[in-house]
PDB file of N, CA and C in Angstrom:
ATOM      1  N   MET A   1       0.866  -1.175   0.000  1.00  0.00           N
ATOM      2  CA  MET A   1       0.000   0.000   0.000  1.00  0.00           C
ATOM      3  C   MET A   1       0.907   1.231   0.000  1.00  0.00           C
ATOM      4  N   GLU A   2       0.475   2.253  -0.693  1.00  0.00           N
ATOM      5  CA  GLU A   2       1.291   3.444  -0.868  1.00  0.00           C
ATOM      6  C   GLU A   2       0.448   4.700  -0.710  1.00  0.00           C
ATOM      7  N   ALA A   3       1.097   5.775  -0.323  1.00  0.00           N
ATOM      8  CA  ALA A   3       0.491   7.108  -0.302  1.00  0.00           C
ATOM      9  C   ALA A   3       1.569   8.093  -0.724  1.00  0.00           C
ATOM     10  N   ARG A   4       1.140   9.199  -1.313  1.00  0.00           N
ATOM     11  CA  ARG A   4       2.111  10.226  -1.719  1.00  0.00           C
ATOM     12  C   ARG A   4       1.445  11.591  -1.744  1.00  0.00           C
ATOM     13  N   THR A   5       2.281  12.618  -1.622  1.00  0.00           N
ATOM     14  CA  THR A   5       1.786  13.987  -1.699  1.00  0.00           C
ATOM     15  C   THR A   5       2.903  14.896  -2.195  1.00  0.00           C
ATOM     16  N   LEU A   6       2.519  16.097  -2.589  1.00  0.00           N
ATOM     17  CA  LEU A   6       3.474  17.132  -2.992  1.00  0.00           C
ATOM     18  C   LEU A   6       3.370  18.295  -2.025  1.00  0.00           C
ATOM     19  N   GLU A   7       4.498  18.923  -1.753  1.00  0.00           N
ATOM     20  CA  GLU A   7       4.539  20.072  -0.841  1.00  0.00           C
ATOM     21  C   GLU A   7       5.628  21.019  -1.325  1.00  0.00           C
ATOM     22  N   LEU A   8       5.324  22.305  -1.351  1.00  0.00           N
ATOM     23  CA  LEU A   8       6.309  23.318  -1.706  1.00  0.00           C
ATOM     24  C   LEU A   8       6.932  23.857  -0.427  1.00  0.00           C
ATOM     25  N   VAL A   9       8.238  24.078  -0.426  1.00  0.00           N
ATOM     26  CA  VAL A   9       8.938  24.594   0.752  1.00  0.00           C
ATOM     27  C   VAL A   9       8.921  26.119   0.714  1.00  0.00           C
ATOM     28  N   PHE A  10       8.310  26.717   1.736  1.00  0.00           N
ATOM     29  CA  PHE A  10       8.225  28.166   1.867  1.00  0.00           C
ATOM     30  C   PHE A  10       9.232  28.659   2.905  1.00  0.00           C
ATOM     31  N   PRO A  11       9.517  29.963   2.922  1.00  0.00           N
ATOM     32  CA  PRO A  11      10.498  30.496   3.883  1.00  0.00           C
ATOM     33  C   PRO A  11      10.195  30.150   5.341  1.00  0.00           C
ATOM     34  N   GLU A  12       8.916  30.060   5.709  1.00  0.00           N
ATOM     35  CA  GLU A  12       8.592  29.740   7.105  1.00  0.00           C
ATOM     36  C   GLU A  12       8.940  28.302   7.484  1.00  0.00           C
ATOM     37  N   HIS A  13       9.291  27.466   6.499  1.00  0.00           N
ATOM     38  CA  HIS A  13       9.687  26.077   6.755  1.00  0.00           C
ATOM     39  C   HIS A  13      11.199  25.933   6.899  1.00  0.00           C
ATOM     40  N   THR A  14      11.923  27.066   6.826  1.00  0.00           N
ATOM     41  CA  THR A  14      13.382  26.993   6.759  1.00  0.00           C
ATOM     42  C   THR A  14      14.066  27.841   7.830  1.00  0.00           C
ATOM     43  N   ASN A  15      15.344  27.529   8.028  1.00  0.00           N
ATOM     44  CA  ASN A  15      16.173  28.296   8.959  1.00  0.00           C
ATOM     45  C   ASN A  15      16.713  29.540   8.243  1.00  0.00           C
ATOM     46  N   PRO A  16      17.492  30.389   8.924  1.00  0.00           N
ATOM     47  CA  PRO A  16      17.996  31.611   8.284  1.00  0.00           C
ATOM     48  C   PRO A  16      18.885  31.368   7.061  1.00  0.00           C
ATOM     49  N   LEU A  17      19.406  30.145   6.897  1.00  0.00           N
ATOM     50  CA  LEU A  17      20.228  29.835   5.732  1.00  0.00           C
ATOM     51  C   LEU A  17      19.401  29.281   4.570  1.00  0.00           C
ATOM     52  N   GLY A  18      18.076  29.183   4.764  1.00  0.00           N
ATOM     53  CA  GLY A  18      17.200  28.712   3.697  1.00  0.00           C
ATOM     54  C   GLY A  18      17.059  27.211   3.607  1.00  0.00           C
ATOM     55  N   ALA A  19      17.597  26.475   4.581  1.00  0.00           N
ATOM     56  CA  ALA A  19      17.474  25.012   4.600  1.00  0.00           C
ATOM     57  C   ALA A  19      16.263  24.620   5.440  1.00  0.00           C
ATOM     58  N   ALA A  20      15.511  23.634   4.963  1.00  0.00           N
ATOM     59  CA  ALA A  20      14.297  23.195   5.662  1.00  0.00           C
ATOM     60  C   ALA A  20      14.629  22.655   7.052  1.00  0.00           C
ATOM     61  N   PHE A  21      13.781  23.010   8.016  1.00  0.00           N
ATOM     62  CA  PHE A  21      13.894  22.447   9.353  1.00  0.00           C
ATOM     63  C   PHE A  21      13.652  20.943   9.283  1.00  0.00           C
ATOM     64  N   GLY A  22      14.447  20.178  10.020  1.00  0.00           N
ATOM     65  CA  GLY A  22      14.256  18.733  10.072  1.00  0.00           C
ATOM     66  C   GLY A  22      12.870  18.364  10.564  1.00  0.00           C
ATOM     67  N   GLY A  23      12.360  19.111  11.522  1.00  0.00           N
ATOM     68  CA  GLY A  23      11.029  18.825  12.063  1.00  0.00           C
ATOM     69  C   GLY A  23       9.930  19.000  11.031  1.00  0.00           C
ATOM     70  N   PHE A  24      10.102  19.968  10.138  1.00  0.00           N
ATOM     71  CA  PHE A  24       9.134  20.161   9.051  1.00  0.00           C
ATOM     72  C   PHE A  24       9.120  18.935   8.144  1.00  0.00           C
ATOM     73  N   VAL A  25      10.307  18.469   7.765  1.00  0.00           N
ATOM     74  CA  VAL A  25      10.410  17.305   6.877  1.00  0.00           C
ATOM     75  C   VAL A  25       9.884  16.056   7.586  1.00  0.00           C
ATOM     76  N   LEU A  26      10.244  15.873   8.850  1.00  0.00           N
ATOM     77  CA  LEU A  26       9.747  14.720   9.608  1.00  0.00           C
ATOM     78  C   LEU A  26       8.229  14.745   9.736  1.00  0.00           C
ATOM     79  N   GLY A  27       7.662  15.930   9.907  1.00  0.00           N
ATOM     80  CA  GLY A  27       6.207  16.058   9.988  1.00  0.00           C
ATOM     81  C   GLY A  27       5.528  15.601   8.708  1.00  0.00           C
ATOM     82  N   LEU A  28       6.104  15.974   7.554  1.00  0.00           N
ATOM     83  CA  LEU A  28       5.558  15.521   6.277  1.00  0.00           C
ATOM     84  C   LEU A  28       5.675  14.008   6.155  1.00  0.00           C
ATOM     85  N   MET A  29       6.809  13.474   6.562  1.00  0.00           N
ATOM     86  CA  MET A  29       7.018  12.030   6.482  1.00  0.00           C
ATOM     87  C   MET A  29       6.014  11.288   7.362  1.00  0.00           C
ATOM     88  N   ASP A  30       5.784  11.801   8.562  1.00  0.00           N
ATOM     89  CA  ASP A  30       4.847  11.154   9.478  1.00  0.00           C
ATOM     90  C   ASP A  30       3.423  11.221   8.931  1.00  0.00           C
ATOM     91  N   LYS A  31       3.057  12.369   8.389  1.00  0.00           N
ATOM     92  CA  LYS A  31       1.704  12.533   7.857  1.00  0.00           C
ATOM     93  C   LYS A  31       1.446  11.547   6.715  1.00  0.00           C
ATOM     94  N   VAL A  32       2.328  11.522   5.729  1.00  0.00           N
ATOM     95  CA  VAL A  32       2.119  10.665   4.571  1.00  0.00           C
ATOM     96  C   VAL A  32       2.299   9.193   4.951  1.00  0.00           C
ATOM     97  N   GLY A  33       3.229   8.913   5.858  1.00  0.00           N
ATOM     98  CA  GLY A  33       3.390   7.542   6.345  1.00  0.00           C
ATOM     99  C   GLY A  33       2.134   7.038   7.019  1.00  0.00           C
ATOM    100  N   SER A  34       1.484   7.906   7.788  1.00  0.00           N
ATOM    101  CA  SER A  34       0.248   7.495   8.469  1.00  0.00           C
ATOM    102  C   SER A  34      -0.875   7.253   7.461  1.00  0.00           C
ATOM    103  N   TYR A  35      -0.883   8.001   6.350  1.00  0.00           N
ATOM    104  CA  TYR A  35      -1.893   7.770   5.313  1.00  0.00           C
ATOM    105  C   TYR A  35      -1.733   6.366   4.724  1.00  0.00           C
ATOM    106  N   ALA A  36      -0.490   5.993   4.402  1.00  0.00           N
ATOM    107  CA  ALA A  36      -0.246   4.665   3.834  1.00  0.00           C
ATOM    108  C   ALA A  36      -0.629   3.578   4.823  1.00  0.00           C
ATOM    109  N   ALA A  37      -0.246   3.758   6.094  1.00  0.00           N
ATOM    110  CA  ALA A  37      -0.561   2.759   7.113  1.00  0.00           C
ATOM    111  C   ALA A  37      -2.063   2.638   7.332  1.00  0.00           C
ATOM    112  N   ALA A  38      -2.756   3.765   7.399  1.00  0.00           N
ATOM    113  CA  ALA A  38      -4.207   3.740   7.614  1.00  0.00           C
ATOM    114  C   ALA A  38      -4.934   3.119   6.427  1.00  0.00           C
ATOM    115  N   ARG A  39      -4.456   3.375   5.226  1.00  0.00           N
ATOM    116  CA  ARG A  39      -5.072   2.758   4.042  1.00  0.00           C
ATOM    117  C   ARG A  39      -4.941   1.247   4.113  1.00  0.00           C
ATOM    118  N   ARG A  40      -3.755   0.772   4.510  1.00  0.00           N
ATOM    119  CA  ARG A  40      -3.538  -0.676   4.583  1.00  0.00           C
ATOM    120  C   ARG A  40      -4.313  -1.296   5.748  1.00  0.00           C
ATOM    121  N   ALA A  41      -4.330  -0.616   6.895  1.00  0.00           N
ATOM    122  CA  ALA A  41      -5.015  -1.144   8.078  1.00  0.00           C
ATOM    123  C   ALA A  41      -6.527  -1.010   7.955  1.00  0.00           C
ATOM    124  N   ARG A  42      -6.953  -0.070   7.087  1.00  0.00           N
ATOM    125  CA  ARG A  42      -8.380   0.239   6.928  1.00  0.00           C
ATOM    126  C   ARG A  42      -8.997   0.755   8.227  1.00  0.00           C
ATOM    127  N   ARG A  43      -8.191   1.512   8.962  1.00  0.00           N
ATOM    128  CA  ARG A  43      -8.646   2.108  10.226  1.00  0.00           C
ATOM    129  C   ARG A  43      -7.609   3.134  10.662  1.00  0.00           C
ATOM    130  N   PRO A  44      -7.921   3.926  11.684  1.00  0.00           N
ATOM    131  CA  PRO A  44      -6.949   4.908  12.169  1.00  0.00           C
ATOM    132  C   PRO A  44      -5.683   4.244  12.712  1.00  0.00           C
ATOM    133  N   VAL A  45      -4.600   4.968  12.634  1.00  0.00           N
ATOM    134  CA  VAL A  45      -3.320   4.503  13.178  1.00  0.00           C
ATOM    135  C   VAL A  45      -2.693   5.627  13.990  1.00  0.00           C
ATOM    136  N   VAL A  46      -1.773   5.240  14.868  1.00  0.00           N
ATOM    137  CA  VAL A  46      -0.981   6.212  15.615  1.00  0.00           C
ATOM    138  C   VAL A  46       0.489   5.884  15.415  1.00  0.00           C
ATOM    139  N   THR A  47       1.322   6.903  15.465  1.00  0.00           N
ATOM    140  CA  THR A  47       2.761   6.723  15.333  1.00  0.00           C
ATOM    141  C   THR A  47       3.315   6.184  16.642  1.00  0.00           C
ATOM    142  N   VAL A  48       4.101   5.115  16.570  1.00  0.00           N
ATOM    143  CA  VAL A  48       4.714   4.575  17.788  1.00  0.00           C
ATOM    144  C   VAL A  48       6.235   4.649  17.751  1.00  0.00           C
ATOM    145  N   ALA A  49       6.819   4.787  16.562  1.00  0.00           N
ATOM    146  CA  ALA A  49       8.278   4.869  16.497  1.00  0.00           C
ATOM    147  C   ALA A  49       8.717   5.521  15.199  1.00  0.00           C
ATOM    148  N   VAL A  50       9.767   6.305  15.317  1.00  0.00           N
ATOM    149  CA  VAL A  50      10.453   6.840  14.151  1.00  0.00           C
ATOM    150  C   VAL A  50      11.827   6.198  14.180  1.00  0.00           C
ATOM    151  N   GLY A  51      12.068   5.330  13.191  1.00  0.00           N
ATOM    152  CA  GLY A  51      13.342   4.625  13.141  1.00  0.00           C
ATOM    153  C   GLY A  51      14.401   5.491  12.499  1.00  0.00           C
ATOM    154  N   SER A  52      15.257   4.870  11.751  1.00  0.00           N
ATOM    155  CA  SER A  52      16.340   5.601  11.110  1.00  0.00           C
ATOM    156  C   SER A  52      15.785   6.600  10.104  1.00  0.00           C
ATOM    157  N   VAL A  53      16.334   7.806  10.158  1.00  0.00           N
ATOM    158  CA  VAL A  53      16.005   8.848   9.179  1.00  0.00           C
ATOM    159  C   VAL A  53      17.331   9.418   8.708  1.00  0.00           C
ATOM    160  N   GLU A  54      17.484   9.509   7.403  1.00  0.00           N
ATOM    161  CA  GLU A  54      18.722  10.032   6.844  1.00  0.00           C
ATOM    162  C   GLU A  54      18.413  11.230   5.957  1.00  0.00           C
ATOM    163  N   PHE A  55      19.000  12.368   6.316  1.00  0.00           N
ATOM    164  CA  PHE A  55      18.891  13.583   5.510  1.00  0.00           C
ATOM    165  C   PHE A  55      20.083  13.577   4.567  1.00  0.00           C
ATOM    166  N   LYS A  56      19.848  13.254   3.298  1.00  0.00           N
ATOM    167  CA  LYS A  56      20.936  13.037   2.340  1.00  0.00           C
ATOM    168  C   LYS A  56      21.469  14.330   1.718  1.00  0.00           C
ATOM    169  N   VAL A  57      20.564  15.213   1.340  1.00  0.00           N
ATOM    170  CA  VAL A  57      20.960  16.494   0.735  1.00  0.00           C
ATOM    171  C   VAL A  57      20.048  17.577   1.285  1.00  0.00           C
ATOM    172  N   PRO A  58      20.511  18.818   1.322  1.00  0.00           N
ATOM    173  CA  PRO A  58      19.676  19.895   1.851  1.00  0.00           C
ATOM    174  C   PRO A  58      18.419  20.121   1.026  1.00  0.00           C
ATOM    175  N   ILE A  59      17.363  20.475   1.714  1.00  0.00           N
ATOM    176  CA  ILE A  59      16.109  20.891   1.100  1.00  0.00           C
ATOM    177  C   ILE A  59      16.011  22.389   1.325  1.00  0.00           C
ATOM    178  N   ARG A  60      15.746  23.150   0.278  1.00  0.00           N
ATOM    179  CA  ARG A  60      15.791  24.610   0.345  1.00  0.00           C
ATOM    180  C   ARG A  60      14.439  25.246   0.041  1.00  0.00           C
ATOM    181  N   THR A  61      14.322  26.506   0.432  1.00  0.00           N
ATOM    182  CA  THR A  61      13.150  27.298   0.067  1.00  0.00           C
ATOM    183  C   THR A  61      12.955  27.211  -1.444  1.00  0.00           C
ATOM    184  N   GLY A  62      11.720  26.952  -1.865  1.00  0.00           N
ATOM    185  CA  GLY A  62      11.411  26.870  -3.281  1.00  0.00           C
ATOM    186  C   GLY A  62      11.439  25.465  -3.850  1.00  0.00           C
ATOM    187  N   ASP A  63      11.974  24.506  -3.104  1.00  0.00           N
ATOM    188  CA  ASP A  63      11.983  23.128  -3.596  1.00  0.00           C
ATOM    189  C   ASP A  63      10.570  22.553  -3.546  1.00  0.00           C
ATOM    190  N   LEU A  64      10.242  21.762  -4.552  1.00  0.00           N
ATOM    191  CA  LEU A  64       9.002  21.006  -4.551  1.00  0.00           C
ATOM    192  C   LEU A  64       9.338  19.617  -4.025  1.00  0.00           C
ATOM    193  N   LEU A  65       8.633  19.198  -2.986  1.00  0.00           N
ATOM    194  CA  LEU A  65       8.889  17.898  -2.377  1.00  0.00           C
ATOM    195  C   LEU A  65       7.811  16.905  -2.763  1.00  0.00           C
ATOM    196  N   GLU A  66       8.223  15.709  -3.104  1.00  0.00           N
ATOM    197  CA  GLU A  66       7.297  14.603  -3.284  1.00  0.00           C
ATOM    198  C   GLU A  66       7.597  13.605  -2.179  1.00  0.00           C
ATOM    199  N   VAL A  67       6.607  13.349  -1.332  1.00  0.00           N
ATOM    200  CA  VAL A  67       6.765  12.426  -0.215  1.00  0.00           C
ATOM    201  C   VAL A  67       6.040  11.143  -0.593  1.00  0.00           C
ATOM    202  N   VAL A  68       6.783  10.030  -0.582  1.00  0.00           N
ATOM    203  CA  VAL A  68       6.249   8.733  -0.982  1.00  0.00           C
ATOM    204  C   VAL A  68       6.410   7.771   0.183  1.00  0.00           C
ATOM    205  N   ALA A  69       5.303   7.158   0.598  1.00  0.00           N
ATOM    206  CA  ALA A  69       5.319   6.226   1.727  1.00  0.00           C
ATOM    207  C   ALA A  69       4.775   4.882   1.281  1.00  0.00           C
ATOM    208  N   ARG A  70       5.481   3.798   1.670  1.00  0.00           N
ATOM    209  CA  ARG A  70       5.060   2.443   1.317  1.00  0.00           C
ATOM    210  C   ARG A  70       5.076   1.551   2.546  1.00  0.00           C
ATOM    211  N   VAL A  71       3.987   0.817   2.750  1.00  0.00           N
ATOM    212  CA  VAL A  71       3.949  -0.175   3.827  1.00  0.00           C
ATOM    213  C   VAL A  71       4.843  -1.336   3.401  1.00  0.00           C
ATOM    214  N   VAL A  72       5.815  -1.671   4.245  1.00  0.00           N
ATOM    215  CA  VAL A  72       6.756  -2.744   3.910  1.00  0.00           C
ATOM    216  C   VAL A  72       6.622  -3.952   4.828  1.00  0.00           C
ATOM    217  N   ARG A  73       5.907  -3.796   5.940  1.00  0.00           N
ATOM    218  CA  ARG A  73       5.716  -4.903   6.861  1.00  0.00           C
ATOM    219  C   ARG A  73       4.425  -4.698   7.635  1.00  0.00           C
ATOM    220  N   VAL A  74       3.689  -5.786   7.820  1.00  0.00           N
ATOM    221  CA  VAL A  74       2.465  -5.742   8.618  1.00  0.00           C
ATOM    222  C   VAL A  74       2.586  -6.796   9.707  1.00  0.00           C
ATOM    223  N   GLY A  75       2.477  -6.344  10.958  1.00  0.00           N
ATOM    224  CA  GLY A  75       2.477  -7.262  12.087  1.00  0.00           C
ATOM    225  C   GLY A  75       1.047  -7.485  12.561  1.00  0.00           C
ATOM    226  N   ARG A  76       0.913  -7.941  13.783  1.00  0.00           N
ATOM    227  CA  ARG A  76      -0.436  -8.189  14.305  1.00  0.00           C
ATOM    228  C   ARG A  76      -1.220  -6.893  14.432  1.00  0.00           C
ATOM    229  N   THR A  77      -0.619  -5.872  15.062  1.00  0.00           N
ATOM    230  CA  THR A  77      -1.275  -4.564  15.204  1.00  0.00           C
ATOM    231  C   THR A  77      -0.448  -3.438  14.581  1.00  0.00           C
ATOM    232  N   SER A  78       0.785  -3.714  14.216  1.00  0.00           N
ATOM    233  CA  SER A  78       1.686  -2.665  13.740  1.00  0.00           C
ATOM    234  C   SER A  78       1.932  -2.744  12.243  1.00  0.00           C
ATOM    235  N   LEU A  79       2.351  -1.606  11.700  1.00  0.00           N
ATOM    236  CA  LEU A  79       2.704  -1.495  10.289  1.00  0.00           C
ATOM    237  C   LEU A  79       3.990  -0.695  10.188  1.00  0.00           C
ATOM    238  N   THR A  80       4.935  -1.198   9.419  1.00  0.00           N
ATOM    239  CA  THR A  80       6.192  -0.506   9.186  1.00  0.00           C
ATOM    240  C   THR A  80       6.122   0.140   7.809  1.00  0.00           C
ATOM    241  N   VAL A  81       6.490   1.408   7.759  1.00  0.00           N
ATOM    242  CA  VAL A  81       6.369   2.188   6.528  1.00  0.00           C
ATOM    243  C   VAL A  81       7.710   2.826   6.194  1.00  0.00           C
ATOM    244  N   GLU A  82       8.155   2.623   4.971  1.00  0.00           N
ATOM    245  CA  GLU A  82       9.338   3.324   4.474  1.00  0.00           C
ATOM    246  C   GLU A  82       8.865   4.594   3.775  1.00  0.00           C
ATOM    247  N   VAL A  83       9.526   5.704   4.096  1.00  0.00           N
ATOM    248  CA  VAL A  83       9.129   6.994   3.514  1.00  0.00           C
ATOM    249  C   VAL A  83      10.344   7.621   2.838  1.00  0.00           C
ATOM    250  N   GLU A  84      10.130   8.091   1.612  1.00  0.00           N
ATOM    251  CA  GLU A  84      11.172   8.776   0.869  1.00  0.00           C
ATOM    252  C   GLU A  84      10.675  10.180   0.510  1.00  0.00           C
ATOM    253  N   VAL A  85      11.582  11.136   0.613  1.00  0.00           N
ATOM    254  CA  VAL A  85      11.269  12.519   0.246  1.00  0.00           C
ATOM    255  C   VAL A  85      12.193  12.904  -0.909  1.00  0.00           C
ATOM    256  N   TYR A  86      11.575  13.208  -2.046  1.00  0.00           N
ATOM    257  CA  TYR A  86      12.321  13.642  -3.220  1.00  0.00           C
ATOM    258  C   TYR A  86      12.147  15.148  -3.376  1.00  0.00           C
ATOM    259  N   LYS A  87      13.211  15.808  -3.802  1.00  0.00           N
ATOM    260  CA  LYS A  87      13.101  17.247  -4.056  1.00  0.00           C
ATOM    261  C   LYS A  87      13.326  17.523  -5.524  1.00  0.00           C
ATOM    262  N   GLU A  88      12.695  18.596  -5.959  1.00  0.00           N
ATOM    263  CA  GLU A  88      12.802  19.020  -7.344  1.00  0.00           C
ATOM    264  C   GLU A  88      12.834  20.538  -7.345  1.00  0.00           C
ATOM    265  N   ARG A  89      13.749  21.116  -8.092  1.00  0.00           N
ATOM    266  CA  ARG A  89      13.840  22.571  -8.166  1.00  0.00           C
ATOM    267  C   ARG A  89      13.520  23.001  -9.579  1.00  0.00           C
ATOM    268  N   PHE A  90      12.527  23.870  -9.694  1.00  0.00           N
ATOM    269  CA  PHE A  90      12.161  24.382 -11.004  1.00  0.00           C
ATOM    270  C   PHE A  90      13.303  25.200 -11.576  1.00  0.00           C
ATOM    271  N   GLY A  91      13.513  25.080 -12.873  1.00  0.00           N
ATOM    272  CA  GLY A  91      14.559  25.863 -13.528  1.00  0.00           C
ATOM    273  C   GLY A  91      15.918  25.215 -13.460  1.00  0.00           C
ATOM    274  N   GLU A  92      16.031  24.066 -12.823  1.00  0.00           N
ATOM    275  CA  GLU A  92      17.309  23.357 -12.758  1.00  0.00           C
ATOM    276  C   GLU A  92      17.163  21.980 -13.398  1.00  0.00           C
ATOM    277  N   GLY A  93      16.466  21.956 -14.524  1.00  0.00           N
ATOM    278  CA  GLY A  93      16.280  20.710 -15.237  1.00  0.00           C
ATOM    279  C   GLY A  93      15.232  19.808 -14.605  1.00  0.00           C
ATOM    280  N   ASN A  94      14.553  20.331 -13.583  1.00  0.00           N
ATOM    281  CA  ASN A  94      13.522  19.567 -12.873  1.00  0.00           C
ATOM    282  C   ASN A  94      14.014  18.185 -12.464  1.00  0.00           C
ATOM    283  N   GLN A  95      15.296  18.111 -12.092  1.00  0.00           N
ATOM    284  CA  GLN A  95      15.870  16.843 -11.650  1.00  0.00           C
ATOM    285  C   GLN A  95      15.279  16.464 -10.292  1.00  0.00           C
ATOM    286  N   ARG A  96      14.802  15.262 -10.186  1.00  0.00           N
ATOM    287  CA  ARG A  96      14.217  14.735  -8.951  1.00  0.00           C
ATOM    288  C   ARG A  96      15.327  14.005  -8.194  1.00  0.00           C
ATOM    289  N   VAL A  97      15.563  14.428  -6.938  1.00  0.00           N
ATOM    290  CA  VAL A  97      16.666  13.895  -6.138  1.00  0.00           C
ATOM    291  C   VAL A  97      16.126  13.372  -4.814  1.00  0.00           C
ATOM    292  N   LEU A  98      16.569  12.171  -4.408  1.00  0.00           N
ATOM    293  CA  LEU A  98      16.200  11.646  -3.103  1.00  0.00           C
ATOM    294  C   LEU A  98      16.897  12.484  -2.036  1.00  0.00           C
ATOM    295  N   ALA A  99      16.122  13.188  -1.226  1.00  0.00           N
ATOM    296  CA  ALA A  99      16.681  14.096  -0.227  1.00  0.00           C
ATOM    297  C   ALA A  99      16.692  13.492   1.170  1.00  0.00           C
ATOM    298  N   THR A 100      15.660  12.745   1.514  1.00  0.00           N
ATOM    299  CA  THR A 100      15.515  12.188   2.865  1.00  0.00           C
ATOM    300  C   THR A 100      14.808  10.853   2.772  1.00  0.00           C
ATOM    301  N   GLN A 101      15.183   9.932   3.642  1.00  0.00           N
ATOM    302  CA  GLN A 101      14.458   8.666   3.725  1.00  0.00           C
ATOM    303  C   GLN A 101      14.449   8.182   5.159  1.00  0.00           C
ATOM    304  N   GLY A 102      13.406   7.422   5.504  1.00  0.00           N
ATOM    305  CA  GLY A 102      13.294   6.925   6.865  1.00  0.00           C
ATOM    306  C   GLY A 102      12.275   5.816   6.989  1.00  0.00           C
ATOM    307  N   VAL A 103      12.222   5.247   8.181  1.00  0.00           N
ATOM    308  CA  VAL A 103      11.302   4.160   8.498  1.00  0.00           C
ATOM    309  C   VAL A 103      10.502   4.562   9.733  1.00  0.00           C
ATOM    310  N   LEU A 104       9.174   4.455   9.632  1.00  0.00           N
ATOM    311  CA  LEU A 104       8.291   4.790  10.752  1.00  0.00           C
ATOM    312  C   LEU A 104       7.387   3.601  11.030  1.00  0.00           C
ATOM    313  N   THR A 105       6.972   3.474  12.299  1.00  0.00           N
ATOM    314  CA  THR A 105       6.089   2.381  12.700  1.00  0.00           C
ATOM    315  C   THR A 105       4.809   2.951  13.285  1.00  0.00           C
ATOM    316  N   TYR A 106       3.696   2.367  12.874  1.00  0.00           N
ATOM    317  CA  TYR A 106       2.368   2.794  13.312  1.00  0.00           C
ATOM    318  C   TYR A 106       1.646   1.601  13.918  1.00  0.00           C
ATOM    319  N   VAL A 107       0.658   1.888  14.759  1.00  0.00           N
ATOM    320  CA  VAL A 107      -0.198   0.854  15.326  1.00  0.00           C
ATOM    321  C   VAL A 107      -1.641   1.205  14.996  1.00  0.00           C
ATOM    322  N   ALA A 108      -2.398   0.196  14.548  1.00  0.00           N
ATOM    323  CA  ALA A 108      -3.821   0.373  14.269  1.00  0.00           C
ATOM    324  C   ALA A 108      -4.564   0.470  15.599  1.00  0.00           C
ATOM    325  N   VAL A 109      -5.521   1.390  15.676  1.00  0.00           N
ATOM    326  CA  VAL A 109      -6.246   1.601  16.931  1.00  0.00           C
ATOM    327  C   VAL A 109      -7.755   1.666  16.684  1.00  0.00           C
ATOM    328  N   ASN A 110      -8.504   1.406  17.761  1.00  0.00           N
ATOM    329  CA  ASN A 110      -9.960   1.552  17.703  1.00  0.00           C
ATOM    330  C   ASN A 110     -10.333   2.965  18.140  1.00  0.00           C
ATOM    331  N   GLU A 111     -11.628   3.222  18.299  1.00  0.00           N
ATOM    332  CA  GLU A 111     -12.097   4.568  18.648  1.00  0.00           C
ATOM    333  C   GLU A 111     -11.652   5.013  20.039  1.00  0.00           C
ATOM    334  N   LYS A 112     -11.211   4.069  20.878  1.00  0.00           N
ATOM    335  CA  LYS A 112     -10.701   4.406  22.217  1.00  0.00           C
ATOM    336  C   LYS A 112      -9.186   4.593  22.219  1.00  0.00           C
ATOM    337  N   GLY A 113      -8.576   4.419  21.053  1.00  0.00           N
ATOM    338  CA  GLY A 113      -7.122   4.543  20.963  1.00  0.00           C
ATOM    339  C   GLY A 113      -6.379   3.288  21.384  1.00  0.00           C
ATOM    340  N   GLU A 114      -7.085   2.176  21.494  1.00  0.00           N
ATOM    341  CA  GLU A 114      -6.476   0.912  21.909  1.00  0.00           C
ATOM    342  C   GLU A 114      -6.005   0.143  20.673  1.00  0.00           C
ATOM    343  N   PRO A 115      -4.847  -0.521  20.765  1.00  0.00           N
ATOM    344  CA  PRO A 115      -4.358  -1.305  19.622  1.00  0.00           C
ATOM    345  C   PRO A 115      -5.346  -2.400  19.232  1.00  0.00           C
ATOM    346  N   VAL A 116      -5.487  -2.593  17.933  1.00  0.00           N
ATOM    347  CA  VAL A 116      -6.360  -3.641  17.396  1.00  0.00           C
ATOM    348  C   VAL A 116      -5.628  -4.346  16.255  1.00  0.00           C
ATOM    349  N   PRO A 117      -5.970  -5.614  16.027  1.00  0.00           N
ATOM    350  CA  PRO A 117      -5.304  -6.351  14.947  1.00  0.00           C
ATOM    351  C   PRO A 117      -5.566  -5.738  13.572  1.00  0.00           C
ATOM    352  N   VAL A 118      -4.563  -5.861  12.725  1.00  0.00           N
ATOM    353  CA  VAL A 118      -4.685  -5.443  11.332  1.00  0.00           C
ATOM    354  C   VAL A 118      -5.154  -6.659  10.550  1.00  0.00           C
ATOM    355  N   GLU A 119      -6.201  -6.473   9.790  1.00  0.00           N
ATOM    356  CA  GLU A 119      -6.738  -7.577   8.999  1.00  0.00           C
ATOM    357  C   GLU A 119      -5.738  -7.988   7.910  1.00  0.00           C
ATOM    358  N   ALA A 120      -5.608  -9.301   7.738  1.00  0.00           N
ATOM    359  CA  ALA A 120      -4.807  -9.809   6.633  1.00  0.00           C
ATOM    360  C   ALA A 120      -5.674  -9.769   5.388  1.00  0.00           C
ATOM    361  N   HIS A 121      -5.087  -9.408   4.265  1.00  0.00           N
ATOM    362  CA  HIS A 121      -5.836  -9.468   3.011  1.00  0.00           C
ATOM    363  C   HIS A 121      -4.893  -9.765   1.862  1.00  0.00           C
ATOM    364  N   ALA A 122      -5.452 -10.290   0.813  1.00  0.00           N
ATOM    365  CA  ALA A 122      -4.657 -10.675  -0.342  1.00  0.00           C
ATOM    366  C   ALA A 122      -4.099  -9.441  -1.021  1.00  0.00           C
ATOM    367  N   GLY A 123      -3.066  -9.653  -1.781  1.00  0.00           N
ATOM    368  CA  GLY A 123      -2.459  -8.560  -2.523  1.00  0.00           C
ATOM    369  C   GLY A 123      -1.187  -8.096  -1.847  1.00  0.00           C
ATOM    370  N   THR A 124      -0.496  -7.193  -2.512  1.00  0.00           N
ATOM    371  CA  THR A 124       0.752  -6.693  -1.965  1.00  0.00           C
ATOM    372  C   THR A 124       0.483  -5.544  -1.025  1.00  0.00           C
ATOM    373  N   ASP A 125       1.363  -5.405  -0.070  1.00  0.00           N
ATOM    374  CA  ASP A 125       1.251  -4.305   0.890  1.00  0.00           C
ATOM    375  C   ASP A 125       2.015  -3.130   0.333  1.00  0.00           C
TER     376      ASP A 125
END
């Protein structure tokens, strides 16, 4: 299961040198990762862990980000999601570059916020 979105980096997302705050990028990763996990679980999910995250190249004001999240593992109540953030700068050949990648873990929950099993279903995750 996959989810993706596009986001433009504005000055309020960056430090005085024009580089995106790590927390801004992590927030996008968590949001899109939760979409992929919830789609696969077919119910709400909560973030329980942020694993390894690697910031490979700087993200700057004006960059267009594509955040792509894929469920790579489904446990009894948990889902592991790999998230990649690609950047693209207009006017520079529109080259798409992997800027950040990480692994996040979510747990499926009921309306009380209690963990619940994720249904198994045919097809790829």
